[in-house]
Amino acid sequence: MPSTVYRVLRQLEADDWIEQRGNSWHPDMKPRMLGNVGGGESSGRNIELDW
């Protein structure tokens, strides 16, 4: 099962959704661009992928 998780993470990284910095994952270009679509208002949702 862990290999499946890493495979999904690597695919998300290849598609510019997340990036790995050290031992943690952070949003990459696509989620940042989508975050700016709402005209600067926050939806109140936050996703953190620190492990």
Protein backbone atom coordinates (compact mmCIF):
# COMPACT_ATOMS: atom_id res chain seq x y z
CA MET A 1 0.00 0.00 0.00
CA PRO A 2 2.74 2.60 0.75
CA SER A 3 4.05 2.19 -2.80
CA THR A 4 0.60 3.20 -4.12
CA VAL A 5 0.63 6.35 -1.98
CA TYR A 6 4.07 7.32 -3.24
CA ARG A 7 3.04 6.61 -6.82
CA VAL A 8 0.05 8.94 -6.43
CA LEU A 9 2.22 11.62 -4.80
CA ARG A 10 4.77 11.37 -7.63
CA GLN A 11 2.00 11.69 -10.24
CA LEU A 12 0.58 14.76 -8.48
CA GLU A 13 4.10 16.19 -8.41
CA ALA A 14 4.59 15.48 -12.14
CA ASP A 15 1.28 17.25 -12.88
CA ASP A 16 2.32 20.39 -10.88
CA TRP A 17 -0.24 19.89 -8.09
CA ILE A 18 2.27 19.37 -5.26
CA GLU A 19 6.01 19.70 -4.73
CA GLN A 20 8.29 18.07 -2.22
CA ARG A 21 10.50 20.25 -0.06
CA GLY A 22 12.61 18.20 2.28
CA ASN A 23 10.32 15.73 4.03
CA SER A 24 7.06 17.56 3.35
CA TRP A 25 4.72 18.19 0.44
CA HIS A 26 3.42 21.65 -0.48
CA PRO A 27 0.96 22.99 -3.07
CA ASP A 28 2.60 23.66 -6.42
CA MET A 29 1.52 25.84 -9.36
CA LYS A 30 -2.00 24.51 -10.17
CA PRO A 31 -3.54 24.83 -6.67
CA ARG A 32 -1.94 28.26 -6.27
CA MET A 33 -3.51 29.39 -9.54
CA LEU A 34 -6.91 28.00 -8.53
CA GLY A 35 -6.60 29.72 -5.17
CA ASN A 36 -6.47 33.10 -6.93
CA VAL A 37 -9.65 32.52 -8.94
CA GLY A 38 -12.05 33.56 -6.16
CA GLY A 39 -11.11 37.24 -6.28
CA GLY A 40 -8.95 37.16 -3.19
CA GLU A 41 -11.57 35.77 -0.83
CA SER A 42 -10.71 32.69 1.16
CA SER A 43 -13.10 29.76 1.13
CA GLY A 44 -12.11 28.85 4.69
CA ARG A 45 -10.58 25.58 3.51
CA ASN A 46 -6.93 24.78 4.00
CA ILE A 47 -4.95 21.69 3.02
CA GLU A 48 -1.59 20.92 4.60
CA LEU A 49 0.54 17.93 3.62
CA ASP A 50 3.32 18.11 6.22
CA TRP A 51 4.52 14.69 7.32
